[in-house]
Amino acid sequence: QVQLVESGGGLVQPGGSLRLSCEATGVLFSIYTMGWYRQAPGKQRDLVATISGIGTTNYAASVKGRFTISRTIAKNSVYLQMTNLNPEDTAVYYCNAYLSTQTNFWGQGTQVTVSS
């Protein structure tokens, strides 16, 4: 059974930082493209960042230079380091593991709120 468990969300002031973590079980972690997506209230779920099995990264334009995605294969974990956060980053952040349309898994989400 595939499980993706996120942690690290919370409330942070504008300009602050947070680090999200996602631990995957039940998947051959090293071959999946892992990603972070986010969904703000009333909006669609959007890509934040992805990292392939060989470490190739991709970022949404809105977070490039502020967010960093990384993975530790030995721990079956992917991380999202977020810096210089602003209120527009407020959303539920979801971890994703993708291999194909038939093997595409989501975590339960973790809330990130940026507010003073």
C-alpha atoms as a PDB file:
ATOM      1  CA  GLN A   1       0.000   0.000   0.000  1.00  0.00           C
ATOM      2  CA  VAL A   2       1.373   3.362  -1.056  1.00  0.00           C
ATOM      3  CA  GLN A   3       1.493   6.095   1.535  1.00  0.00           C
ATOM      4  CA  LEU A   4       2.876   9.613   1.346  1.00  0.00           C
ATOM      5  CA  VAL A   5       2.988  11.411   4.670  1.00  0.00           C
ATOM      6  CA  GLU A   6       3.723  15.139   4.737  1.00  0.00           C
ATOM      7  CA  SER A   7       4.893  17.154   7.698  1.00  0.00           C
ATOM      8  CA  GLY A   8       6.352  20.549   8.464  1.00  0.00           C
ATOM      9  CA  GLY A   9       3.512  22.897   7.618  1.00  0.00           C
ATOM     10  CA  GLY A  10       2.380  25.684   9.895  1.00  0.00           C
ATOM     11  CA  LEU A  11       2.003  29.399  10.402  1.00  0.00           C
ATOM     12  CA  VAL A  12       4.891  31.683   9.451  1.00  0.00           C
ATOM     13  CA  GLN A  13       5.310  35.415   9.078  1.00  0.00           C
ATOM     14  CA  PRO A  14       6.017  37.012   5.706  1.00  0.00           C
ATOM     15  CA  GLY A  15       9.694  36.695   4.891  1.00  0.00           C
ATOM     16  CA  GLY A  16      10.019  33.565   6.979  1.00  0.00           C
ATOM     17  CA  SER A  17      10.988  30.017   6.096  1.00  0.00           C
ATOM     18  CA  LEU A  18       9.551  26.529   6.409  1.00  0.00           C
ATOM     19  CA  ARG A  19      10.735  23.065   5.455  1.00  0.00           C
ATOM     20  CA  LEU A  20       8.218  20.486   4.345  1.00  0.00           C
ATOM     21  CA  SER A  21       8.972  16.769   4.443  1.00  0.00           C
ATOM     22  CA  CYS A  22       7.295  13.825   2.770  1.00  0.00           C
ATOM     23  CA  GLU A  23       8.059  10.205   3.542  1.00  0.00           C
ATOM     24  CA  ALA A  24       6.974   7.592   1.016  1.00  0.00           C
ATOM     25  CA  THR A  25       6.225   3.953   1.734  1.00  0.00           C
ATOM     26  CA  GLY A  26       5.103   1.213  -0.610  1.00  0.00           C
ATOM     27  CA  VAL A  27       6.806   2.620  -3.703  1.00  0.00           C
ATOM     28  CA  LEU A  28      10.140   2.037  -5.369  1.00  0.00           C
ATOM     29  CA  PHE A  29      11.093   5.550  -4.385  1.00  0.00           C
ATOM     30  CA  SER A  30      14.191   5.937  -6.523  1.00  0.00           C
ATOM     31  CA  ILE A  31      12.369   5.605  -9.857  1.00  0.00           C
ATOM     32  CA  TYR A  32       9.468   7.940  -9.133  1.00  0.00           C
ATOM     33  CA  THR A  33       9.352  11.606  -9.923  1.00  0.00           C
ATOM     34  CA  MET A  34       8.498  13.262  -6.631  1.00  0.00           C
ATOM     35  CA  GLY A  35       6.775  16.584  -6.444  1.00  0.00           C
ATOM     36  CA  TRP A  36       5.120  19.223  -4.367  1.00  0.00           C
ATOM     37  CA  TYR A  37       1.858  20.838  -5.396  1.00  0.00           C
ATOM     38  CA  ARG A  38      -0.303  23.387  -3.644  1.00  0.00           C
ATOM     39  CA  GLN A  39      -3.932  24.385  -3.587  1.00  0.00           C
ATOM     40  CA  ALA A  40      -5.210  27.667  -2.237  1.00  0.00           C
ATOM     41  CA  PRO A  41      -8.894  28.069  -1.271  1.00  0.00           C
ATOM     42  CA  GLY A  42     -11.085  28.299  -4.362  1.00  0.00           C
ATOM     43  CA  LYS A  43      -8.202  27.603  -6.730  1.00  0.00           C
ATOM     44  CA  GLN A  44      -6.897  24.607  -8.627  1.00  0.00           C
ATOM     45  CA  ARG A  45      -4.008  22.478  -7.481  1.00  0.00           C
ATOM     46  CA  ASP A  46      -0.801  23.803  -9.024  1.00  0.00           C
ATOM     47  CA  LEU A  47       2.699  22.488  -9.464  1.00  0.00           C
ATOM     48  CA  VAL A  48       5.298  23.898  -7.082  1.00  0.00           C
ATOM     49  CA  ALA A  49       8.353  21.761  -7.792  1.00  0.00           C
ATOM     50  CA  THR A  50       9.371  18.303  -8.960  1.00  0.00           C
ATOM     51  CA  ILE A  51      12.513  16.198  -8.771  1.00  0.00           C
ATOM     52  CA  SER A  52      13.148  13.179 -10.969  1.00  0.00           C
ATOM     53  CA  GLY A  53      14.779   9.906 -10.061  1.00  0.00           C
ATOM     54  CA  ILE A  54      18.080  11.214 -11.383  1.00  0.00           C
ATOM     55  CA  GLY A  55      17.738  14.504  -9.537  1.00  0.00           C
ATOM     56  CA  THR A  56      16.503  16.807 -12.274  1.00  0.00           C
ATOM     57  CA  THR A  57      14.452  19.599 -10.745  1.00  0.00           C
ATOM     58  CA  ASN A  58      11.676  21.782 -12.070  1.00  0.00           C
ATOM     59  CA  TYR A  59      10.043  24.794 -10.397  1.00  0.00           C
ATOM     60  CA  ALA A  60       7.022  26.977 -10.893  1.00  0.00           C
ATOM     61  CA  ALA A  61       8.073  30.481 -11.906  1.00  0.00           C
ATOM     62  CA  SER A  62       6.476  31.940  -8.783  1.00  0.00           C
ATOM     63  CA  VAL A  63       8.765  30.000  -6.435  1.00  0.00           C
ATOM     64  CA  LYS A  64      12.001  29.791  -8.415  1.00  0.00           C
ATOM     65  CA  GLY A  65      14.865  31.177  -6.376  1.00  0.00           C
ATOM     66  CA  ARG A  66      12.901  30.921  -3.123  1.00  0.00           C
ATOM     67  CA  PHE A  67      12.037  27.223  -2.845  1.00  0.00           C
ATOM     68  CA  THR A  68      14.346  24.215  -3.122  1.00  0.00           C
ATOM     69  CA  ILE A  69      13.229  20.632  -3.625  1.00  0.00           C
ATOM     70  CA  SER A  70      15.499  17.763  -2.620  1.00  0.00           C
ATOM     71  CA  ARG A  71      15.293  14.066  -1.885  1.00  0.00           C
ATOM     72  CA  THR A  72      17.074  11.486   0.250  1.00  0.00           C
ATOM     73  CA  ILE A  73      16.609   8.117  -1.395  1.00  0.00           C
ATOM     74  CA  ALA A  74      17.912   6.202   1.615  1.00  0.00           C
ATOM     75  CA  LYS A  75      15.123   7.721   3.702  1.00  0.00           C
ATOM     76  CA  ASN A  76      12.460   7.524   0.971  1.00  0.00           C
ATOM     77  CA  SER A  77      11.894  11.201   1.604  1.00  0.00           C
ATOM     78  CA  VAL A  78      11.474  14.390  -0.365  1.00  0.00           C
ATOM     79  CA  TYR A  79      11.747  17.883   1.048  1.00  0.00           C
ATOM     80  CA  LEU A  80      10.702  21.402   0.133  1.00  0.00           C
ATOM     81  CA  GLN A  81      12.733  24.192   1.671  1.00  0.00           C
ATOM     82  CA  MET A  82      10.732  27.401   1.413  1.00  0.00           C
ATOM     83  CA  THR A  83      12.290  30.815   2.055  1.00  0.00           C
ATOM     84  CA  ASN A  84      11.137  34.408   1.762  1.00  0.00           C
ATOM     85  CA  LEU A  85       7.540  33.273   2.090  1.00  0.00           C
ATOM     86  CA  ASN A  86       4.735  35.674   1.252  1.00  0.00           C
ATOM     87  CA  PRO A  87       0.955  35.534   1.803  1.00  0.00           C
ATOM     88  CA  GLU A  88       0.442  34.289  -1.765  1.00  0.00           C
ATOM     89  CA  ASP A  89       2.223  31.079  -0.737  1.00  0.00           C
ATOM     90  CA  THR A  90      -0.603  30.248   1.664  1.00  0.00           C
ATOM     91  CA  ALA A  91      -2.113  26.928   0.592  1.00  0.00           C
ATOM     92  CA  VAL A  92      -2.398  23.249   1.353  1.00  0.00           C
ATOM     93  CA  TYR A  93       0.784  21.616   0.094  1.00  0.00           C
ATOM     94  CA  TYR A  94       0.586  18.088  -1.292  1.00  0.00           C
ATOM     95  CA  CYS A  95       3.326  15.569  -1.865  1.00  0.00           C
ATOM     96  CA  ASN A  96       3.115  13.588  -5.111  1.00  0.00           C
ATOM     97  CA  ALA A  97       4.784  10.451  -6.429  1.00  0.00           C
ATOM     98  CA  TYR A  98       4.459   9.952 -10.175  1.00  0.00           C
ATOM     99  CA  LEU A  99       5.545   7.154 -12.456  1.00  0.00           C
ATOM    100  CA  SER A 100       2.646   6.975 -14.904  1.00  0.00           C
ATOM    101  CA  THR A 101      -1.027   7.948 -15.058  1.00  0.00           C
ATOM    102  CA  GLN A 102      -1.795   4.612 -13.410  1.00  0.00           C
ATOM    103  CA  THR A 103       0.846   5.055 -10.728  1.00  0.00           C
ATOM    104  CA  ASN A 104       0.275   8.560  -9.443  1.00  0.00           C
ATOM    105  CA  PHE A 105      -0.071   8.993  -5.690  1.00  0.00           C
ATOM    106  CA  TRP A 106      -0.878  11.886  -3.347  1.00  0.00           C
ATOM    107  CA  GLY A 107      -0.369  12.646   0.293  1.00  0.00           C
ATOM    108  CA  GLN A 108      -3.063  14.054   2.544  1.00  0.00           C
ATOM    109  CA  GLY A 109      -1.652  17.583   2.452  1.00  0.00           C
ATOM    110  CA  THR A 110      -0.188  19.972   4.980  1.00  0.00           C
ATOM    111  CA  GLN A 111      -1.349  23.537   5.568  1.00  0.00           C
ATOM    112  CA  VAL A 112       1.062  26.428   5.111  1.00  0.00           C
ATOM    113  CA  THR A 113      -0.184  29.831   6.225  1.00  0.00           C
ATOM    114  CA  VAL A 114       1.862  32.977   5.706  1.00  0.00           C
ATOM    115  CA  SER A 115       0.479  35.828   7.749  1.00  0.00           C
ATOM    116  CA  SER A 116       1.562  38.535  10.129  1.00  0.00           C
END
